[in-house]
Amino acid sequence: MATEFNGKYLSLTTFRREGTGVATPMWFVRENGHLLVETDGDSYKAKRIRRNSAVTVAECTASGKLMGERVAGHAEFLPETERSRVEALIAQKYRMDKVLVLPVYRLVQRLHGKKLAEETPVVLSITPD
């Protein structure tokens, strides 16, 4: 699965209790057949994955427009000890985006009332079924 994903954004779809999918474009890195992403541990997507680890993934644009076929998989939370290593991999891949895009994203989040200082990041590993 991971060899098919070479772009900058991954559409990660998680599922609500009644089965409705919720897609989110995310930064990702590939490693040993896994797709690694970082998210807020208190996010709805993390809560949905704790309840149901089934996900779908597809390459997409920053706005979430799909650029490839959805692939079924499952997500699991990696231990806290892996977070700094995965953050370094993401920072290496997205070094220019972290300087140019991330500040704008954080500003938009603040304008929507989200307090970023309270985030507890977690790392997810996505693998094929």
N, C-alpha and C. Protein backbone atom coordinates (compact mmCIF):
# COMPACT_ATOMS: atom_id res chain seq x y z
N MET A 1 0.82 -1.20 0.00
CA MET A 1 0.00 0.00 0.00
C MET A 1 0.85 1.24 0.00
N ALA A 2 1.84 1.36 0.87
CA ALA A 2 2.58 2.59 1.04
C ALA A 2 3.34 2.98 -0.21
N THR A 3 3.75 2.02 -1.04
CA THR A 3 4.51 2.35 -2.24
C THR A 3 3.68 3.13 -3.24
N GLU A 4 2.38 3.11 -3.13
CA GLU A 4 1.51 3.84 -4.04
C GLU A 4 1.37 5.31 -3.66
N PHE A 5 1.82 5.69 -2.49
CA PHE A 5 1.59 7.04 -1.99
C PHE A 5 2.88 7.83 -2.03
N ASN A 6 2.96 8.75 -3.01
CA ASN A 6 4.16 9.54 -3.19
C ASN A 6 3.90 11.03 -3.07
N GLY A 7 2.67 11.44 -2.93
CA GLY A 7 2.34 12.85 -2.90
C GLY A 7 2.61 13.51 -1.56
N LYS A 8 2.08 14.72 -1.42
CA LYS A 8 2.27 15.47 -0.18
C LYS A 8 1.12 15.28 0.79
N TYR A 9 -0.06 14.93 0.28
CA TYR A 9 -1.23 14.84 1.15
C TYR A 9 -1.91 13.49 1.02
N LEU A 10 -2.41 13.04 2.15
CA LEU A 10 -3.10 11.76 2.25
C LEU A 10 -4.50 12.04 2.78
N SER A 11 -5.51 11.55 2.08
CA SER A 11 -6.87 11.65 2.58
C SER A 11 -7.11 10.45 3.48
N LEU A 12 -7.25 10.71 4.77
CA LEU A 12 -7.51 9.66 5.76
C LEU A 12 -8.99 9.70 6.11
N THR A 13 -9.69 8.61 5.81
CA THR A 13 -11.11 8.52 6.13
C THR A 13 -11.30 7.61 7.33
N THR A 14 -11.93 8.17 8.36
CA THR A 14 -12.30 7.40 9.55
C THR A 14 -13.82 7.31 9.58
N PHE A 15 -14.35 6.42 10.41
CA PHE A 15 -15.77 6.14 10.34
C PHE A 15 -16.49 6.41 11.66
N ARG A 16 -17.63 7.12 11.54
CA ARG A 16 -18.49 7.39 12.70
C ARG A 16 -19.19 6.09 13.11
N ARG A 17 -19.84 6.14 14.27
CA ARG A 17 -20.53 4.96 14.79
C ARG A 17 -21.53 4.38 13.79
N GLU A 18 -22.26 5.25 13.08
CA GLU A 18 -23.28 4.75 12.16
C GLU A 18 -22.70 4.38 10.80
N GLY A 19 -21.37 4.53 10.61
CA GLY A 19 -20.72 4.09 9.39
C GLY A 19 -20.37 5.18 8.40
N THR A 20 -20.77 6.41 8.66
CA THR A 20 -20.45 7.52 7.76
C THR A 20 -18.96 7.81 7.82
N GLY A 21 -18.33 7.93 6.66
CA GLY A 21 -16.91 8.24 6.59
C GLY A 21 -16.65 9.73 6.70
N VAL A 22 -15.56 10.08 7.36
CA VAL A 22 -15.13 11.47 7.49
C VAL A 22 -13.69 11.54 7.00
N ALA A 23 -13.46 12.25 5.90
CA ALA A 23 -12.13 12.33 5.30
C ALA A 23 -11.41 13.59 5.76
N THR A 24 -10.10 13.46 5.98
CA THR A 24 -9.26 14.57 6.40
C THR A 24 -7.95 14.52 5.62
N PRO A 25 -7.58 15.63 4.93
CA PRO A 25 -6.26 15.64 4.28
C PRO A 25 -5.18 15.82 5.34
N MET A 26 -4.10 15.04 5.21
CA MET A 26 -3.04 15.07 6.22
C MET A 26 -1.67 14.95 5.57
N TRP A 27 -0.67 15.47 6.26
CA TRP A 27 0.71 15.20 5.89
C TRP A 27 1.03 13.77 6.31
N PHE A 28 1.94 13.12 5.60
CA PHE A 28 2.29 11.74 5.94
C PHE A 28 3.71 11.44 5.48
N VAL A 29 4.26 10.38 6.03
CA VAL A 29 5.52 9.82 5.56
C VAL A 29 5.34 8.32 5.41
N ARG A 30 6.12 7.74 4.50
CA ARG A 30 6.11 6.29 4.31
C ARG A 30 7.31 5.70 5.04
N GLU A 31 7.08 4.54 5.64
CA GLU A 31 8.19 3.84 6.29
C GLU A 31 7.86 2.36 6.40
N ASN A 32 8.69 1.54 5.77
CA ASN A 32 8.57 0.08 5.88
C ASN A 32 7.15 -0.43 5.61
N GLY A 33 6.52 0.06 4.55
CA GLY A 33 5.18 -0.41 4.21
C GLY A 33 4.06 0.21 5.01
N HIS A 34 4.37 1.17 5.86
CA HIS A 34 3.36 1.86 6.66
C HIS A 34 3.29 3.33 6.26
N LEU A 35 2.15 3.91 6.47
CA LEU A 35 1.98 5.35 6.32
C LEU A 35 1.86 5.92 7.72
N LEU A 36 2.69 6.90 8.04
CA LEU A 36 2.71 7.48 9.38
C LEU A 36 2.17 8.90 9.33
N VAL A 37 1.26 9.22 10.23
CA VAL A 37 0.69 10.56 10.33
C VAL A 37 0.66 10.98 11.79
N GLU A 38 0.61 12.28 12.00
CA GLU A 38 0.50 12.81 13.36
C GLU A 38 -0.78 13.62 13.46
N THR A 39 -1.46 13.49 14.58
CA THR A 39 -2.70 14.23 14.80
C THR A 39 -2.85 14.53 16.28
N ASP A 40 -3.82 15.36 16.59
CA ASP A 40 -4.13 15.67 17.99
C ASP A 40 -4.81 14.45 18.60
N GLY A 41 -4.32 14.01 19.74
CA GLY A 41 -4.87 12.84 20.40
C GLY A 41 -6.31 13.00 20.85
N ASP A 42 -6.77 14.24 20.99
CA ASP A 42 -8.15 14.50 21.39
C ASP A 42 -9.06 14.82 20.20
N SER A 43 -8.53 14.70 18.98
CA SER A 43 -9.33 15.01 17.80
C SER A 43 -10.43 13.97 17.61
N TYR A 44 -11.46 14.35 16.88
CA TYR A 44 -12.53 13.41 16.59
C TYR A 44 -12.00 12.22 15.78
N LYS A 45 -11.05 12.48 14.87
CA LYS A 45 -10.51 11.38 14.08
C LYS A 45 -9.83 10.36 14.97
N ALA A 46 -9.08 10.82 15.97
CA ALA A 46 -8.42 9.90 16.91
C ALA A 46 -9.47 9.13 17.72
N LYS A 47 -10.53 9.81 18.13
CA LYS A 47 -11.58 9.14 18.89
C LYS A 47 -12.27 8.07 18.04
N ARG A 48 -12.49 8.39 16.74
CA ARG A 48 -13.12 7.40 15.86
C ARG A 48 -12.21 6.19 15.66
N ILE A 49 -10.90 6.42 15.54
CA ILE A 49 -9.96 5.31 15.34
C ILE A 49 -9.87 4.45 16.59
N ARG A 50 -9.96 5.05 17.77
CA ARG A 50 -9.95 4.25 19.00
C ARG A 50 -11.14 3.31 19.05
N ARG A 51 -12.26 3.74 18.47
CA ARG A 51 -13.48 2.94 18.47
C ARG A 51 -13.47 1.93 17.31
N ASN A 52 -12.91 2.33 16.17
CA ASN A 52 -12.92 1.48 14.97
C ASN A 52 -11.65 1.79 14.18
N SER A 53 -10.72 0.85 14.14
CA SER A 53 -9.43 1.09 13.49
C SER A 53 -9.48 0.99 11.97
N ALA A 54 -10.62 0.62 11.39
CA ALA A 54 -10.75 0.55 9.93
C ALA A 54 -10.72 1.96 9.34
N VAL A 55 -9.90 2.14 8.30
CA VAL A 55 -9.78 3.43 7.63
C VAL A 55 -9.67 3.19 6.13
N THR A 56 -9.81 4.25 5.36
CA THR A 56 -9.40 4.22 3.96
C THR A 56 -8.45 5.39 3.76
N VAL A 57 -7.57 5.24 2.77
CA VAL A 57 -6.60 6.28 2.46
C VAL A 57 -6.51 6.44 0.95
N ALA A 58 -6.18 7.66 0.53
CA ALA A 58 -5.98 7.94 -0.89
C ALA A 58 -5.12 9.20 -0.99
N GLU A 59 -4.35 9.30 -2.07
CA GLU A 59 -3.63 10.55 -2.30
C GLU A 59 -4.64 11.64 -2.58
N CYS A 60 -4.33 12.86 -2.14
CA CYS A 60 -5.25 13.96 -2.35
C CYS A 60 -4.49 15.28 -2.41
N THR A 61 -5.22 16.34 -2.69
CA THR A 61 -4.67 17.69 -2.66
C THR A 61 -4.79 18.23 -1.23
N ALA A 62 -4.24 19.40 -1.00
CA ALA A 62 -4.33 20.02 0.33
C ALA A 62 -5.77 20.28 0.74
N SER A 63 -6.64 20.48 -0.23
CA SER A 63 -8.05 20.73 0.08
C SER A 63 -8.86 19.45 0.23
N GLY A 64 -8.23 18.30 -0.04
CA GLY A 64 -8.91 17.03 0.13
C GLY A 64 -9.45 16.39 -1.14
N LYS A 65 -9.22 17.03 -2.30
CA LYS A 65 -9.70 16.45 -3.56
C LYS A 65 -8.87 15.20 -3.86
N LEU A 66 -9.54 14.07 -4.04
CA LEU A 66 -8.86 12.80 -4.26
C LEU A 66 -8.10 12.79 -5.58
N MET A 67 -6.90 12.23 -5.55
CA MET A 67 -6.07 12.11 -6.74
C MET A 67 -5.75 10.65 -7.04
N GLY A 68 -6.38 9.75 -6.34
CA GLY A 68 -6.16 8.33 -6.55
C GLY A 68 -7.29 7.54 -5.93
N GLU A 69 -7.20 6.24 -6.07
CA GLU A 69 -8.22 5.35 -5.53
C GLU A 69 -8.08 5.21 -4.02
N ARG A 70 -9.22 5.05 -3.35
CA ARG A 70 -9.20 4.77 -1.90
C ARG A 70 -8.71 3.34 -1.69
N VAL A 71 -7.92 3.18 -0.63
CA VAL A 71 -7.39 1.87 -0.27
C VAL A 71 -7.79 1.60 1.18
N ALA A 72 -8.37 0.42 1.42
CA ALA A 72 -8.76 0.05 2.78
C ALA A 72 -7.52 -0.28 3.61
N GLY A 73 -7.61 0.02 4.88
CA GLY A 73 -6.50 -0.29 5.78
C GLY A 73 -6.98 -0.20 7.22
N HIS A 74 -6.03 -0.25 8.12
CA HIS A 74 -6.37 -0.05 9.52
C HIS A 74 -5.27 0.80 10.16
N ALA A 75 -5.67 1.53 11.17
CA ALA A 75 -4.75 2.45 11.84
C ALA A 75 -4.52 1.98 13.26
N GLU A 76 -3.32 2.22 13.75
CA GLU A 76 -3.03 1.93 15.14
C GLU A 76 -2.17 3.06 15.70
N PHE A 77 -2.32 3.30 16.99
CA PHE A 77 -1.55 4.33 17.66
C PHE A 77 -0.18 3.77 18.00
N LEU A 78 0.85 4.52 17.66
CA LEU A 78 2.21 4.13 18.03
C LEU A 78 2.51 4.62 19.44
N PRO A 79 3.46 4.00 20.12
CA PRO A 79 3.81 4.45 21.47
C PRO A 79 4.36 5.88 21.46
N GLU A 80 4.20 6.56 22.56
CA GLU A 80 4.70 7.93 22.72
C GLU A 80 6.18 8.02 22.38
N THR A 81 6.94 6.97 22.65
CA THR A 81 8.38 6.99 22.39
C THR A 81 8.70 7.13 20.90
N GLU A 82 7.77 6.83 20.02
CA GLU A 82 7.97 6.95 18.58
C GLU A 82 7.68 8.34 18.04
N ARG A 83 7.02 9.17 18.84
CA ARG A 83 6.54 10.46 18.33
C ARG A 83 7.66 11.36 17.83
N SER A 84 8.73 11.53 18.57
CA SER A 84 9.79 12.44 18.15
C SER A 84 10.46 11.96 16.86
N ARG A 85 10.61 10.66 16.70
CA ARG A 85 11.21 10.12 15.48
C ARG A 85 10.32 10.40 14.27
N VAL A 86 9.02 10.17 14.42
CA VAL A 86 8.09 10.40 13.32
C VAL A 86 7.97 11.90 13.03
N GLU A 87 7.95 12.73 14.07
CA GLU A 87 7.92 14.18 13.87
C GLU A 87 9.13 14.64 13.06
N ALA A 88 10.31 14.05 13.32
CA ALA A 88 11.52 14.40 12.57
C ALA A 88 11.39 14.00 11.10
N LEU A 89 10.81 12.84 10.84
CA LEU A 89 10.60 12.40 9.45
C LEU A 89 9.64 13.35 8.72
N ILE A 90 8.56 13.73 9.40
CA ILE A 90 7.59 14.65 8.80
C ILE A 90 8.23 16.01 8.57
N ALA A 91 9.00 16.50 9.56
CA ALA A 91 9.66 17.80 9.43
C ALA A 91 10.64 17.80 8.26
N GLN A 92 11.32 16.69 8.04
CA GLN A 92 12.26 16.59 6.93
C GLN A 92 11.52 16.65 5.59
N LYS A 93 10.43 15.92 5.47
CA LYS A 93 9.67 15.90 4.21
C LYS A 93 8.99 17.23 3.94
N TYR A 94 8.51 17.90 4.98
CA TYR A 94 7.69 19.10 4.81
C TYR A 94 8.39 20.36 5.33
N ARG A 95 9.71 20.43 5.22
CA ARG A 95 10.44 21.55 5.83
C ARG A 95 9.97 22.91 5.30
N MET A 96 9.73 23.04 3.99
CA MET A 96 9.26 24.32 3.45
C MET A 96 7.81 24.58 3.85
N ASP A 97 7.00 23.55 3.87
CA ASP A 97 5.60 23.71 4.26
C ASP A 97 5.47 24.13 5.72
N LYS A 98 6.36 23.63 6.56
CA LYS A 98 6.31 24.00 7.98
C LYS A 98 6.58 25.49 8.15
N VAL A 99 7.37 26.06 7.25
CA VAL A 99 7.69 27.48 7.32
C VAL A 99 6.59 28.33 6.66
N LEU A 100 6.05 27.85 5.54
CA LEU A 100 5.10 28.65 4.76
C LEU A 100 3.64 28.34 5.05
N VAL A 101 3.29 27.07 5.22
CA VAL A 101 1.89 26.67 5.34
C VAL A 101 1.42 26.57 6.79
N LEU A 102 2.23 25.98 7.64
CA LEU A 102 1.82 25.72 9.01
C LEU A 102 1.41 26.98 9.78
N PRO A 103 2.13 28.10 9.66
CA PRO A 103 1.68 29.30 10.37
C PRO A 103 0.29 29.78 9.94
N VAL A 104 -0.01 29.66 8.66
CA VAL A 104 -1.33 30.06 8.16
C VAL A 104 -2.40 29.11 8.71
N TYR A 105 -2.11 27.82 8.71
CA TYR A 105 -3.05 26.83 9.26
C TYR A 105 -3.33 27.12 10.73
N ARG A 106 -2.29 27.38 11.49
CA ARG A 106 -2.48 27.67 12.91
C ARG A 106 -3.30 28.94 13.14
N LEU A 107 -3.09 29.94 12.31
CA LEU A 107 -3.88 31.17 12.41
C LEU A 107 -5.35 30.88 12.15
N VAL A 108 -5.63 30.10 11.12
CA VAL A 108 -7.02 29.75 10.80
C VAL A 108 -7.64 28.98 11.96
N GLN A 109 -6.89 28.04 12.54
CA GLN A 109 -7.40 27.28 13.68
C GLN A 109 -7.73 28.19 14.85
N ARG A 110 -6.86 29.15 15.13
CA ARG A 110 -7.12 30.10 16.23
C ARG A 110 -8.36 30.94 15.94
N LEU A 111 -8.52 31.35 14.69
CA LEU A 111 -9.70 32.14 14.32
C LEU A 111 -10.98 31.34 14.50
N HIS A 112 -10.89 30.02 14.40
CA HIS A 112 -12.05 29.14 14.62
C HIS A 112 -12.19 28.73 16.08
N GLY A 113 -11.36 29.31 16.95
CA GLY A 113 -11.50 29.08 18.37
C GLY A 113 -10.78 27.87 18.93
N LYS A 114 -9.95 27.22 18.13
CA LYS A 114 -9.22 26.05 18.61
C LYS A 114 -7.96 26.50 19.33
N LYS A 115 -7.75 25.96 20.53
CA LYS A 115 -6.57 26.29 21.32
C LYS A 115 -5.49 25.26 21.02
N LEU A 116 -4.51 25.63 20.19
CA LEU A 116 -3.49 24.69 19.76
C LEU A 116 -2.52 24.33 20.88
N ALA A 117 -2.36 25.20 21.86
CA ALA A 117 -1.40 24.92 22.94
C ALA A 117 -1.81 23.71 23.77
N GLU A 118 -3.07 23.33 23.73
CA GLU A 118 -3.56 22.22 24.54
C GLU A 118 -3.52 20.88 23.81
N GLU A 119 -3.00 20.87 22.59
CA GLU A 119 -2.96 19.62 21.82
C GLU A 119 -2.02 18.61 22.47
N THR A 120 -2.42 17.36 22.37
CA THR A 120 -1.57 16.25 22.78
C THR A 120 -1.37 15.39 21.54
N PRO A 121 -0.26 15.58 20.81
CA PRO A 121 -0.09 14.85 19.56
C PRO A 121 0.10 13.36 19.76
N VAL A 122 -0.40 12.61 18.80
CA VAL A 122 -0.21 11.16 18.74
C VAL A 122 0.20 10.79 17.31
N VAL A 123 0.84 9.65 17.18
CA VAL A 123 1.26 9.18 15.85
C VAL A 123 0.47 7.93 15.51
N LEU A 124 -0.02 7.91 14.27
CA LEU A 124 -0.76 6.76 13.77
C LEU A 124 0.05 6.06 12.69
N SER A 125 0.00 4.74 12.71
CA SER A 125 0.59 3.94 11.65
C SER A 125 -0.57 3.28 10.90
N ILE A 126 -0.60 3.49 9.59
CA ILE A 126 -1.67 2.96 8.76
C ILE A 126 -1.09 1.85 7.90
N THR A 127 -1.72 0.68 7.95
CA THR A 127 -1.26 -0.48 7.18
C THR A 127 -2.42 -1.09 6.40
N PRO A 128 -2.11 -1.80 5.32
CA PRO A 128 -3.19 -2.42 4.54
C PRO A 128 -3.82 -3.57 5.30
N ASP A 129 -5.06 -3.86 4.96
CA ASP A 129 -5.76 -5.03 5.56
C ASP A 129 -5.21 -6.32 5.00
